Amino acid sequence: MASFEQRIRHLQNQDAYSRRDPLDSALNTLSTIALGAIDAQLTQKNKDDVYDMKLRMSEIDRIQSVHPDLSTYDYGDPIKNSDDFTAYRNEAKLRTNMEIKGTQYQPKRGIMSQEMQDDLFTYGDTRFSLDNTAGILSYDDLINYEAWLLGGLGAGKDVAKRHNWQGLLNDYNDDLEGYVLDEGDYIDLKDKGLVDVLEPTLFDDNLYILSEGEKTNLMKKYDFWKKGFVKTHELPTRSQITESITNNNIADSKKLDTLLGQEQNKLAVENINRWRPGSENEGFGLVVTDNRGNDTFVTEYIQDDGKLMNDSLTQEEFIKDFPNVYNWLYTNGNFESAFRDYYGSLEIQEELAKMPNILSQFESQIADFNTITKEKRKAGIVENQDEYIMDSRIMGDARNMVLDDLQNIGGGVLFSDEAINAMSDDKVQDLMRELQDLEVAYGTPGNMHYNPDVLRFLSLYTANVTKPTRNVNVPNFLGQGSITQDVPELQLAGGILLNLINELKRKGQ
């Protein structure tokens, strides 16, 4: 039983509580309610965060199944951090979009890029290019394109080195503060989806500038684009192309042998086969070799004044007056190729019109060729590109031999004016002698460098045999010392290779 003092103290406490300010009681009540609400909100936020994390984890799993090489560790913590997740997902979107663009890209005319062909791989004559499987898209085409785009940074680095090419994305212009694209470059990249819409420069409507960041982004986009392209395009190797052509032509070859062996076709076949490319162009009775081994060109030709001449011309004279006909005669391995080139070149037609004997012979071959072609169609023999491809390949392989040889001379200094200028006169003379010896070796039977196909390729560089000229010191036979005289560059030994080197230097940016 409580004592008296305890009961009094209890009653006092009750009285104090009843006498508290009602506002205090209200505030106390509101505080209690607010604290409860905050606890509830925190609980809901935790639930939302967990839900968002689960969504991100699910999306990351999906992205990983599509891009297993895309590591989340490169983007911080995409599971817990929404900004990191956004960056990770945007990268995945970029990869997917570029792969789709590569998948959907359809090359025109069987080549990866006409711009690449025009910019880099066409030497001396626009009919010849590194892409030597016309109409057939091969793995070589992709390598060549990568050489054009990336230079020494991609799978085409060896091709780029051979052609003295830095790469479209490796030539930074200090004045313009970026990488320069001309109109053709820009259209090519935009057509493939590798660049977005760019504004031309203020001073030239045909030039476009890529910043360092845009270049880096383009290179990344190309990697993904190439992945999609390779995935959906059959890209045979050279050996696979050759095997396929061989297999497809076996049946046609048997039919053709039978057709050409028929009596009514023999004369036509013999006439067509009179096409003889090279220095012994017997089909036209053109080349005569004297007892000193010098070739002269005997032909009828019409002068500018309309007078018909029948004369002997030196090789240099023939090339000077009829450069396109010369290249046409000496760079086509078979009649079909010559036939196509003739009808594809107004320049050849105009020059040949001035040479009635050669034109007459060629027109008779055209007539017989058309006759045989009709007979082939009747027999169900399918037209194929076997001979054309093999002929183009010969030219391409010959070119590669020459370019590799040039890269090996002096460790590649032939393409560096700075390196040559730093050499002593004796070293420069040694370099020129090595170049001269190589040019002579290509045309010397028995020499390890002798190669008729190389000679065919180099014939593309003899069209300007009488020019350009340069000042050289020659012995003064009228007195002591020497005099300065204009000498045709290509009359000097090694001049043909010098012509090729100059073209490579121009195209090497």
Protein backbone atom coordinates (compact mmCIF):
# COMPACT_ATOMS: atom_id res chain seq x y z
CA MET A 1 0.00 0.00 0.00
CA ALA A 2 1.42 3.35 -1.14
CA SER A 3 2.44 5.79 1.46
CA PHE A 4 0.85 9.18 1.87
CA GLU A 5 3.82 10.96 0.33
CA GLN A 6 3.70 8.74 -2.77
CA ARG A 7 -0.01 9.38 -3.33
CA ILE A 8 0.43 13.17 -2.96
CA ARG A 9 3.30 13.17 -5.57
CA HIS A 10 1.14 11.17 -8.03
CA LEU A 11 -1.76 13.58 -7.73
CA GLN A 12 0.63 16.55 -8.30
CA ASN A 13 2.01 14.99 -11.48
CA GLN A 14 -1.47 14.41 -12.87
CA ASP A 15 -2.41 17.98 -12.16
CA ALA A 16 0.74 19.29 -13.98
CA TYR A 17 0.00 17.21 -17.09
CA SER A 18 -3.60 18.43 -17.21
CA ARG A 19 -2.40 22.00 -16.97
CA ARG A 20 0.05 21.74 -20.07
CA ASP A 21 -0.47 24.05 -23.05
CA PRO A 22 -2.75 22.41 -25.68
CA LEU A 23 -0.36 23.65 -28.45
CA ASP A 24 2.45 21.61 -26.98
CA SER A 25 0.30 18.56 -27.07
CA ALA A 26 -0.66 19.19 -30.70
CA LEU A 27 2.91 19.71 -31.82
CA ASN A 28 3.97 16.59 -30.06
CA THR A 29 1.28 14.65 -31.87
CA LEU A 30 2.24 16.09 -35.28
CA SER A 31 5.91 15.28 -34.71
CA THR A 32 5.07 11.70 -33.99
CA ILE A 33 3.01 11.45 -37.21
CA ALA A 34 5.78 13.06 -39.34
CA LEU A 35 8.42 10.69 -38.06
CA GLY A 36 6.23 7.79 -39.06
CA ALA A 37 5.69 9.19 -42.55
CA ILE A 38 9.46 9.64 -43.11
CA ASP A 39 10.06 6.06 -42.11
CA ALA A 40 7.43 4.96 -44.61
CA GLN A 41 8.98 7.09 -47.42
CA LEU A 42 12.44 5.73 -46.79
CA THR A 43 11.08 2.25 -46.96
CA GLN A 44 9.39 2.99 -50.34
CA LYS A 45 12.55 4.61 -51.77
CA ASN A 46 14.52 1.56 -50.86
CA LYS A 47 11.95 -0.54 -52.59
CA ASP A 48 12.13 1.69 -55.75
CA ASP A 49 15.92 1.57 -55.76
CA VAL A 50 15.91 -2.18 -55.56
CA TYR A 51 13.35 -2.32 -58.38
CA ASP A 52 15.45 0.00 -60.61
CA MET A 53 18.57 -2.05 -59.91
CA LYS A 54 16.72 -5.21 -60.92
CA LEU A 55 15.64 -3.54 -64.19
CA ARG A 56 19.22 -2.43 -64.90
CA MET A 57 20.54 -5.91 -64.11
CA SER A 58 18.03 -7.42 -66.52
CA GLU A 59 19.02 -4.96 -69.29
CA ILE A 60 22.71 -5.58 -68.63
CA ASP A 61 22.14 -9.34 -68.96
CA ARG A 62 20.44 -8.74 -72.31
CA ILE A 63 23.24 -6.48 -73.54
CA GLN A 64 25.84 -9.02 -72.44
CA SER A 65 24.16 -11.69 -74.53
CA VAL A 66 24.46 -9.42 -77.61
CA HIS A 67 27.84 -7.84 -76.82
CA PRO A 68 29.70 -10.24 -74.51
CA ASP A 69 32.95 -8.32 -74.98
CA LEU A 70 31.41 -5.08 -73.65
CA SER A 71 32.62 -4.99 -70.03
CA THR A 72 30.60 -3.25 -67.34
CA TYR A 73 33.82 -2.55 -65.42
CA ASP A 74 34.76 0.06 -68.05
CA TYR A 75 31.71 2.13 -67.06
CA GLY A 76 31.95 2.31 -63.25
CA ASP A 77 28.97 0.63 -61.58
CA PRO A 78 26.10 0.44 -64.10
CA ILE A 79 23.99 -1.63 -61.66
CA LYS A 80 23.90 0.86 -58.81
CA ASN A 81 24.63 4.10 -60.70
CA SER A 82 22.07 5.24 -63.27
CA ASP A 83 24.53 7.57 -65.07
CA ASP A 84 27.04 4.74 -65.47
CA PHE A 85 24.25 2.53 -66.75
CA THR A 86 23.19 5.17 -69.31
CA ALA A 87 26.77 5.41 -70.66
CA TYR A 88 27.02 1.61 -70.84
CA ARG A 89 23.68 1.29 -72.64
CA ASN A 90 24.54 4.09 -75.13
CA GLU A 91 27.73 2.27 -76.05
CA ALA A 92 25.74 -0.90 -76.65
CA LYS A 93 23.26 1.03 -78.82
CA LEU A 94 26.14 2.45 -80.88
CA ARG A 95 27.58 -1.01 -81.45
CA THR A 96 24.23 -2.46 -82.46
CA ASN A 97 23.38 0.40 -84.81
CA MET A 98 26.75 0.28 -86.56
CA GLU A 99 26.61 -3.51 -86.95
CA ILE A 100 23.18 -3.12 -88.53
CA LYS A 101 24.55 -0.48 -90.94
CA GLY A 102 27.39 -2.84 -91.88
CA THR A 103 24.90 -5.65 -92.38
CA GLN A 104 22.71 -3.54 -94.65
CA TYR A 105 25.48 -1.98 -96.75
CA GLN A 106 25.49 -3.23 -100.35
CA PRO A 107 28.64 -2.37 -102.33
CA LYS A 108 28.10 -1.07 -105.84
CA ARG A 109 29.71 -2.67 -108.89
CA GLY A 110 31.41 -5.32 -106.80
CA ILE A 111 33.89 -3.00 -105.08
CA MET A 112 33.99 -1.64 -101.55
CA SER A 113 34.61 1.95 -102.53
CA GLN A 114 35.04 3.77 -105.82
CA GLU A 115 36.64 6.62 -103.90
CA MET A 116 39.27 4.24 -102.57
CA GLN A 117 39.96 3.03 -106.09
CA ASP A 118 40.30 6.53 -107.48
CA ASP A 119 42.32 7.91 -104.57
CA LEU A 120 44.79 5.18 -103.97
CA PHE A 121 45.00 2.17 -106.20
CA THR A 122 44.87 3.48 -109.74
CA TYR A 123 48.28 4.04 -111.28
CA GLY A 124 49.09 5.15 -114.78
CA ASP A 125 45.84 3.96 -116.24
CA THR A 126 42.40 4.18 -114.63
CA ARG A 127 41.46 0.76 -115.97
CA PHE A 128 43.85 -0.96 -113.58
CA SER A 129 43.39 -1.00 -109.84
CA LEU A 130 44.29 -3.11 -106.85
CA ASP A 131 40.81 -4.61 -106.89
CA ASN A 132 41.62 -7.27 -109.48
CA THR A 133 38.50 -9.41 -109.13
CA ALA A 134 36.02 -7.14 -110.88
CA GLY A 135 32.42 -7.99 -110.06
CA ILE A 136 33.45 -10.23 -107.18
CA LEU A 137 33.58 -8.85 -103.66
CA SER A 138 36.46 -10.54 -101.89
CA TYR A 139 38.26 -10.34 -98.57
CA ASP A 140 41.00 -8.40 -100.33
CA ASP A 141 38.50 -5.62 -101.00
CA LEU A 142 37.90 -5.16 -97.27
CA ILE A 143 41.64 -5.15 -96.54
CA ASN A 144 42.20 -2.54 -99.24
CA TYR A 145 39.43 -0.35 -97.86
CA GLU A 146 40.90 -0.54 -94.39
CA ALA A 147 44.29 0.44 -95.81
CA TRP A 148 42.69 3.48 -97.42
CA LEU A 149 40.83 4.49 -94.28
CA LEU A 150 43.30 3.67 -91.50
CA GLY A 151 46.68 3.40 -93.19
CA GLY A 152 49.14 1.67 -90.88
CA LEU A 153 46.65 1.32 -88.04
CA GLY A 154 44.47 -1.46 -89.45
CA ALA A 155 44.61 -4.86 -91.08
CA GLY A 156 45.62 -3.17 -94.35
CA LYS A 157 48.86 -1.75 -92.96
CA ASP A 158 51.05 -3.74 -95.39
CA VAL A 159 48.98 -2.56 -98.35
CA ALA A 160 49.17 1.04 -97.12
CA LYS A 161 52.95 0.84 -96.74
CA ARG A 162 53.36 -0.65 -100.20
CA HIS A 163 51.43 2.25 -101.72
CA ASN A 164 53.05 4.95 -99.57
CA TRP A 165 49.67 5.84 -98.08
CA GLN A 166 49.25 7.33 -94.61
CA GLY A 167 45.54 6.67 -94.36
CA LEU A 168 42.59 9.00 -94.66
CA LEU A 169 42.35 9.39 -90.87
CA ASN A 170 46.05 9.80 -90.19
CA ASP A 171 46.80 13.05 -91.98
CA TYR A 172 46.21 15.88 -89.48
CA ASN A 173 46.21 19.40 -90.91
CA ASP A 174 47.62 21.88 -88.41
CA ASP A 175 46.24 24.93 -90.20
CA LEU A 176 42.72 23.51 -90.35
CA GLU A 177 43.00 21.90 -86.91
CA GLY A 178 41.55 18.60 -87.99
CA TYR A 179 41.49 15.76 -90.49
CA VAL A 180 40.48 16.84 -93.99
CA LEU A 181 37.90 15.01 -96.10
CA ASP A 182 37.18 15.99 -99.66
CA GLU A 183 33.72 15.63 -101.15
CA GLY A 184 34.33 12.07 -102.35
CA ASP A 185 35.73 10.95 -98.98
CA TYR A 186 32.78 12.45 -97.12
CA ILE A 187 30.16 10.89 -99.40
CA ASP A 188 31.81 7.48 -99.09
CA LEU A 189 31.89 7.55 -95.28
CA LYS A 190 28.37 8.97 -95.03
CA ASP A 191 27.06 6.34 -97.45
CA LYS A 192 28.33 3.64 -95.11
CA GLY A 193 26.92 5.39 -92.04
CA LEU A 194 30.36 6.07 -90.57
CA VAL A 195 29.86 9.82 -90.27
CA ASP A 196 26.84 11.97 -89.63
CA VAL A 197 25.93 15.08 -91.62
CA LEU A 198 28.92 17.44 -91.71
CA GLU A 199 29.02 21.07 -92.71
CA PRO A 200 31.63 22.02 -95.31
CA THR A 201 34.39 24.44 -94.44
CA LEU A 202 33.72 28.15 -94.85
CA PHE A 203 36.48 28.62 -97.41
CA ASP A 204 35.77 25.53 -99.53
CA ASP A 205 32.40 23.84 -100.07
CA ASN A 206 34.12 20.58 -101.05
CA LEU A 207 36.15 20.12 -97.86
CA TYR A 208 35.03 18.76 -94.49
CA ILE A 209 36.95 18.70 -91.20
CA LEU A 210 36.95 15.98 -88.56
CA SER A 211 38.07 16.88 -85.05
CA GLU A 212 40.27 14.57 -83.04
CA GLY A 213 37.22 13.34 -81.12
CA GLU A 214 35.22 12.77 -84.31
CA LYS A 215 38.10 10.82 -85.81
CA THR A 216 38.35 8.59 -82.72
CA ASN A 217 34.60 8.01 -82.78
CA LEU A 218 34.70 7.18 -86.50
CA MET A 219 37.41 4.57 -85.99
CA LYS A 220 35.37 2.97 -83.21
CA LYS A 221 32.24 2.97 -85.35
CA TYR A 222 34.15 1.36 -88.22
CA ASP A 223 35.14 -1.61 -86.03
CA PHE A 224 31.49 -2.34 -85.30
CA TRP A 225 30.45 -1.63 -88.89
CA LYS A 226 33.04 -4.09 -90.19
CA LYS A 227 31.78 -6.78 -87.79
CA GLY A 228 28.28 -6.48 -89.22
CA PHE A 229 29.53 -6.30 -92.80
CA VAL A 230 31.64 -9.44 -92.52
CA LYS A 231 28.81 -11.29 -90.77
CA THR A 232 26.39 -10.93 -93.69
CA HIS A 233 28.65 -10.75 -96.77
CA GLU A 234 30.45 -13.66 -98.31
CA LEU A 235 34.06 -12.56 -98.74
CA PRO A 236 36.07 -15.29 -100.43
CA THR A 237 39.84 -15.28 -100.43
CA ARG A 238 41.91 -15.26 -103.63
CA SER A 239 42.37 -19.01 -103.55
CA GLN A 240 38.65 -19.56 -103.03
CA ILE A 241 37.83 -17.27 -105.97
CA THR A 242 40.28 -19.08 -108.20
CA GLU A 243 38.91 -22.47 -107.17
CA SER A 244 35.33 -21.37 -107.76
CA ILE A 245 36.12 -19.95 -111.19
CA THR A 246 38.03 -23.06 -112.14
CA ASN A 247 35.21 -25.38 -111.10
CA ASN A 248 32.57 -23.32 -112.84
CA ASN A 249 34.56 -23.14 -116.05
CA ILE A 250 35.36 -26.82 -116.47
CA ALA A 251 32.11 -27.64 -118.23
CA ASP A 252 32.24 -24.46 -120.33
CA SER A 253 35.83 -25.15 -121.33
CA LYS A 254 34.92 -28.57 -122.68
CA LYS A 255 32.06 -27.09 -124.68
CA LEU A 256 34.28 -24.28 -125.91
CA ASP A 257 37.04 -26.62 -127.08
CA THR A 258 34.51 -28.49 -129.15
CA LEU A 259 33.08 -25.25 -130.55
CA LEU A 260 36.44 -23.70 -131.48
CA GLY A 261 37.62 -26.92 -133.05
CA GLN A 262 34.80 -27.00 -135.54
CA GLU A 263 35.92 -26.42 -139.11
CA GLN A 264 33.64 -23.44 -139.77
CA ASN A 265 35.14 -21.55 -136.81
CA LYS A 266 38.87 -22.21 -137.33
CA LEU A 267 39.66 -19.13 -139.44
CA ALA A 268 37.82 -16.81 -137.05
CA VAL A 269 39.65 -18.29 -134.06
CA GLU A 270 43.02 -17.94 -135.79
CA ASN A 271 42.32 -14.28 -136.54
CA ILE A 272 41.29 -13.51 -132.96
CA ASN A 273 44.41 -15.24 -131.68
CA ARG A 274 46.58 -12.93 -133.76
CA TRP A 275 46.29 -10.51 -130.85
CA ARG A 276 49.76 -10.62 -129.33
CA PRO A 277 50.36 -8.19 -126.48
CA GLY A 278 53.90 -7.26 -125.59
CA SER A 279 57.00 -6.41 -127.56
CA GLU A 280 56.22 -9.03 -130.24
CA ASN A 281 52.88 -7.76 -131.43
CA GLU A 282 52.77 -10.13 -134.38
CA GLY A 283 49.08 -9.74 -134.86
CA PHE A 284 49.58 -6.30 -136.31
CA GLY A 285 52.95 -6.74 -137.93
CA LEU A 286 53.94 -3.67 -135.97
CA VAL A 287 57.33 -4.26 -134.38
CA VAL A 288 60.52 -4.84 -136.35
CA THR A 289 63.78 -5.61 -134.57
CA ASP A 290 67.00 -4.64 -136.35
CA ASN A 291 70.37 -6.45 -136.17
CA ARG A 292 71.34 -4.35 -133.15
CA GLY A 293 68.30 -5.44 -131.20
CA ASN A 294 66.51 -2.12 -131.47
CA ASP A 295 62.74 -2.15 -131.92
CA THR A 296 61.10 0.12 -134.46
CA PHE A 297 57.41 0.54 -135.11
CA VAL A 298 56.38 0.26 -138.74
CA THR A 299 52.88 1.48 -139.41
CA GLU A 300 50.65 3.63 -141.53
CA TYR A 301 49.36 6.73 -139.82
CA ILE A 302 47.57 9.91 -140.76
CA GLN A 303 49.27 13.17 -139.90
CA ASP A 304 47.42 16.22 -138.58
CA ASP A 305 47.43 17.65 -142.11
CA GLY A 306 45.59 14.55 -143.37
CA LYS A 307 48.59 13.07 -145.19
CA LEU A 308 48.93 9.27 -144.99
CA MET A 309 52.40 8.23 -143.90
CA ASN A 310 54.07 4.82 -143.91
CA ASP A 311 57.08 5.20 -141.71
CA SER A 312 59.27 3.63 -139.08
CA LEU A 313 58.93 5.15 -135.65
CA THR A 314 61.11 4.65 -132.60
CA GLN A 315 59.40 3.50 -129.46
CA GLU A 316 59.65 7.02 -128.03
CA GLU A 317 58.11 8.53 -131.17
CA PHE A 318 55.30 5.99 -131.23
CA ILE A 319 54.50 6.62 -127.55
CA LYS A 320 54.57 10.37 -128.03
CA ASP A 321 52.16 10.34 -130.99
CA PHE A 322 49.90 7.44 -129.94
CA PRO A 323 50.18 7.01 -126.13
CA ASN A 324 46.73 5.50 -125.64
CA VAL A 325 47.11 3.00 -128.47
CA TYR A 326 50.52 2.00 -127.10
CA ASN A 327 49.11 1.30 -123.65
CA TRP A 328 46.16 -0.47 -125.21
CA LEU A 329 48.38 -2.78 -127.24
CA TYR A 330 50.79 -3.54 -124.43
CA THR A 331 48.56 -3.82 -121.36
CA ASN A 332 45.86 -6.21 -122.53
CA GLY A 333 46.59 -9.89 -122.19
CA ASN A 334 43.80 -11.10 -124.41
CA PHE A 335 41.49 -9.91 -127.12
CA GLU A 336 38.40 -9.74 -124.88
CA SER A 337 40.13 -7.28 -122.60
CA ALA A 338 41.30 -5.22 -125.58
CA PHE A 339 37.77 -5.30 -127.00
CA ARG A 340 36.30 -3.88 -123.78
CA ASP A 341 38.98 -1.21 -123.46
CA TYR A 342 38.54 -0.05 -127.05
CA TYR A 343 34.82 0.56 -126.66
CA GLY A 344 35.34 2.11 -123.24
CA SER A 345 37.88 4.72 -124.35
CA LEU A 346 37.18 7.57 -126.77
CA GLU A 347 40.90 8.43 -126.71
CA ILE A 348 41.88 4.98 -128.02
CA GLN A 349 39.24 5.17 -130.74
CA GLU A 350 40.40 8.62 -131.87
CA GLU A 351 44.08 7.61 -132.03
CA LEU A 352 43.36 4.31 -133.76
CA ALA A 353 41.33 6.14 -136.41
CA LYS A 354 44.64 7.71 -137.50
CA MET A 355 46.22 4.24 -137.95
CA PRO A 356 44.22 2.57 -140.75
CA ASN A 357 46.22 -0.67 -140.98
CA ILE A 358 45.97 -1.45 -137.27
CA LEU A 359 42.32 -0.38 -137.18
CA SER A 360 41.49 -2.59 -140.16
CA GLN A 361 43.14 -5.59 -138.54
CA PHE A 362 41.35 -4.95 -135.26
CA GLU A 363 37.95 -4.50 -136.94
CA SER A 364 38.34 -7.87 -138.68
CA GLN A 365 39.07 -9.41 -135.28
CA ILE A 366 35.97 -7.72 -133.83
CA ALA A 367 33.82 -9.25 -136.56
CA ASP A 368 35.20 -12.74 -135.90
CA PHE A 369 34.93 -12.24 -132.17
CA ASN A 370 31.24 -11.36 -132.49
CA THR A 371 30.69 -14.45 -134.65
CA ILE A 372 32.31 -16.73 -132.05
CA THR A 373 30.38 -15.02 -129.27
CA LYS A 374 27.07 -15.79 -131.00
CA GLU A 375 28.11 -19.41 -131.44
CA LYS A 376 29.04 -19.64 -127.74
CA ARG A 377 25.60 -18.39 -126.74
CA LYS A 378 23.93 -20.90 -129.03
CA ALA A 379 25.95 -23.68 -127.39
CA GLY A 380 24.88 -22.52 -123.92
CA ILE A 381 28.37 -21.47 -122.89
CA VAL A 382 28.04 -18.94 -120.09
CA GLU A 383 30.16 -15.79 -120.30
CA ASN A 384 32.56 -15.62 -117.37
CA GLN A 385 35.34 -13.41 -116.14
CA ASP A 386 38.04 -16.03 -115.85
CA GLU A 387 40.48 -14.58 -118.37
CA TYR A 388 39.76 -11.00 -117.40
CA ILE A 389 40.28 -11.68 -113.71
CA MET A 390 43.46 -13.61 -114.27
CA ASP A 391 44.79 -10.87 -116.56
CA SER A 392 43.97 -8.19 -113.99
CA ARG A 393 45.54 -10.29 -111.27
CA ILE A 394 48.75 -10.55 -113.25
CA MET A 395 48.86 -6.78 -113.48
CA GLY A 396 48.06 -6.43 -109.78
CA ASP A 397 50.69 -8.93 -108.70
CA ALA A 398 53.27 -7.32 -110.96
CA ARG A 399 52.49 -3.93 -109.47
CA ASN A 400 52.89 -5.29 -105.97
CA MET A 401 56.30 -6.72 -106.88
CA VAL A 402 57.49 -3.33 -108.12
CA LEU A 403 56.13 -1.42 -105.13
CA ASP A 404 57.71 -3.85 -102.68
CA ASP A 405 61.06 -3.56 -104.50
CA LEU A 406 60.86 0.23 -104.31
CA GLN A 407 60.11 0.10 -100.59
CA ASN A 408 63.20 -2.07 -100.07
CA ILE A 409 65.61 0.30 -101.84
CA GLY A 410 67.40 2.36 -99.23
CA GLY A 411 64.91 1.33 -96.56
CA GLY A 412 62.06 3.21 -98.22
CA VAL A 413 63.83 6.57 -98.43
CA LEU A 414 62.77 6.93 -102.07
CA PHE A 415 59.48 8.34 -100.82
CA SER A 416 61.00 10.82 -98.37
CA ASP A 417 62.34 14.07 -99.81
CA GLU A 418 63.65 15.00 -96.37
CA ALA A 419 65.70 11.79 -96.10
CA ILE A 420 67.13 12.18 -99.61
CA ASN A 421 68.01 15.84 -99.05
CA ALA A 422 69.93 14.81 -95.93
CA MET A 423 72.08 12.35 -97.92
CA SER A 424 75.46 13.09 -99.37
CA ASP A 425 75.81 13.32 -103.16
CA ASP A 426 77.59 9.96 -103.21
CA LYS A 427 74.73 8.27 -101.34
CA VAL A 428 72.17 9.81 -103.69
CA GLN A 429 74.14 8.54 -106.69
CA ASP A 430 74.29 5.05 -105.16
CA LEU A 431 70.54 5.18 -104.64
CA MET A 432 69.92 6.21 -108.25
CA ARG A 433 72.23 3.48 -109.56
CA GLU A 434 70.31 0.90 -107.54
CA LEU A 435 67.07 2.21 -109.03
CA GLN A 436 68.53 2.12 -112.54
CA ASP A 437 69.83 -1.43 -112.09
CA LEU A 438 66.41 -2.58 -110.91
CA GLU A 439 64.65 -1.08 -113.92
CA VAL A 440 67.12 -2.75 -116.29
CA ALA A 441 66.82 -6.08 -114.43
CA TYR A 442 63.05 -6.24 -115.01
CA GLY A 443 63.69 -6.40 -118.76
CA THR A 444 66.76 -8.66 -118.74
CA PRO A 445 66.02 -12.37 -119.39
CA GLY A 446 67.89 -14.58 -116.95
CA ASN A 447 67.96 -11.94 -114.22
CA MET A 448 66.18 -12.87 -110.99
CA HIS A 449 64.02 -9.74 -111.36
CA TYR A 450 63.06 -10.38 -114.97
CA ASN A 451 59.30 -10.40 -115.31
CA PRO A 452 57.24 -9.74 -118.48
CA ASP A 453 54.21 -8.89 -116.34
CA VAL A 454 56.21 -6.21 -114.55
CA LEU A 455 57.21 -4.79 -117.93
CA ARG A 456 53.52 -4.63 -118.87
CA PHE A 457 52.78 -2.73 -115.69
CA LEU A 458 55.70 -0.33 -116.15
CA SER A 459 54.59 0.35 -119.72
CA LEU A 460 51.82 2.43 -118.11
CA TYR A 461 54.54 4.94 -117.21
CA THR A 462 56.13 5.42 -120.60
CA ALA A 463 53.41 7.63 -122.07
CA ASN A 464 55.35 10.79 -121.16
CA VAL A 465 58.67 9.43 -122.27
CA THR A 466 59.82 12.77 -123.73
CA LYS A 467 58.84 14.82 -120.67
CA PRO A 468 59.14 16.25 -118.14
CA THR A 469 62.60 17.74 -118.50
CA ARG A 470 65.07 18.68 -115.82
CA ASN A 471 68.35 20.58 -115.74
CA VAL A 472 71.39 18.32 -115.45
CA ASN A 473 75.12 18.85 -115.77
CA VAL A 474 76.54 17.10 -118.81
CA PRO A 475 80.13 17.07 -120.20
CA ASN A 476 80.95 20.06 -122.33
CA PHE A 477 82.54 18.45 -125.37
CA LEU A 478 83.17 21.85 -126.91
CA GLY A 479 85.39 22.88 -124.05
CA GLN A 480 86.38 22.02 -120.53
CA GLY A 481 84.01 21.44 -117.64
CA SER A 482 80.30 20.90 -118.02
CA ILE A 483 77.20 22.74 -119.11
CA THR A 484 73.58 22.76 -117.90
CA GLN A 485 71.15 21.17 -120.33
CA ASP A 486 67.47 20.20 -120.34
CA VAL A 487 67.25 16.41 -120.49
CA PRO A 488 63.98 14.44 -120.73
CA GLU A 489 63.54 12.76 -117.37
CA LEU A 490 62.45 9.41 -118.77
CA GLN A 491 65.32 9.14 -121.18
CA LEU A 492 67.55 8.76 -118.16
CA ALA A 493 67.97 5.20 -116.89
CA GLY A 494 65.52 4.60 -114.08
CA GLY A 495 63.18 7.27 -115.37
CA ILE A 496 60.16 4.99 -115.62
CA LEU A 497 60.49 4.02 -111.97
CA LEU A 498 61.00 7.67 -111.06
CA ASN A 499 57.71 8.45 -112.78
CA LEU A 500 55.98 5.82 -110.67
CA ILE A 501 57.66 7.06 -107.49
CA ASN A 502 56.49 10.61 -108.15
CA GLU A 503 52.93 9.40 -108.55
CA LEU A 504 53.14 7.42 -105.33
CA LYS A 505 54.47 10.47 -103.52
CA ARG A 506 51.63 12.62 -104.82
CA LYS A 507 49.02 10.12 -103.70
CA GLY A 508 50.69 9.53 -100.34
CA GLN A 509 49.35 12.83 -99.03
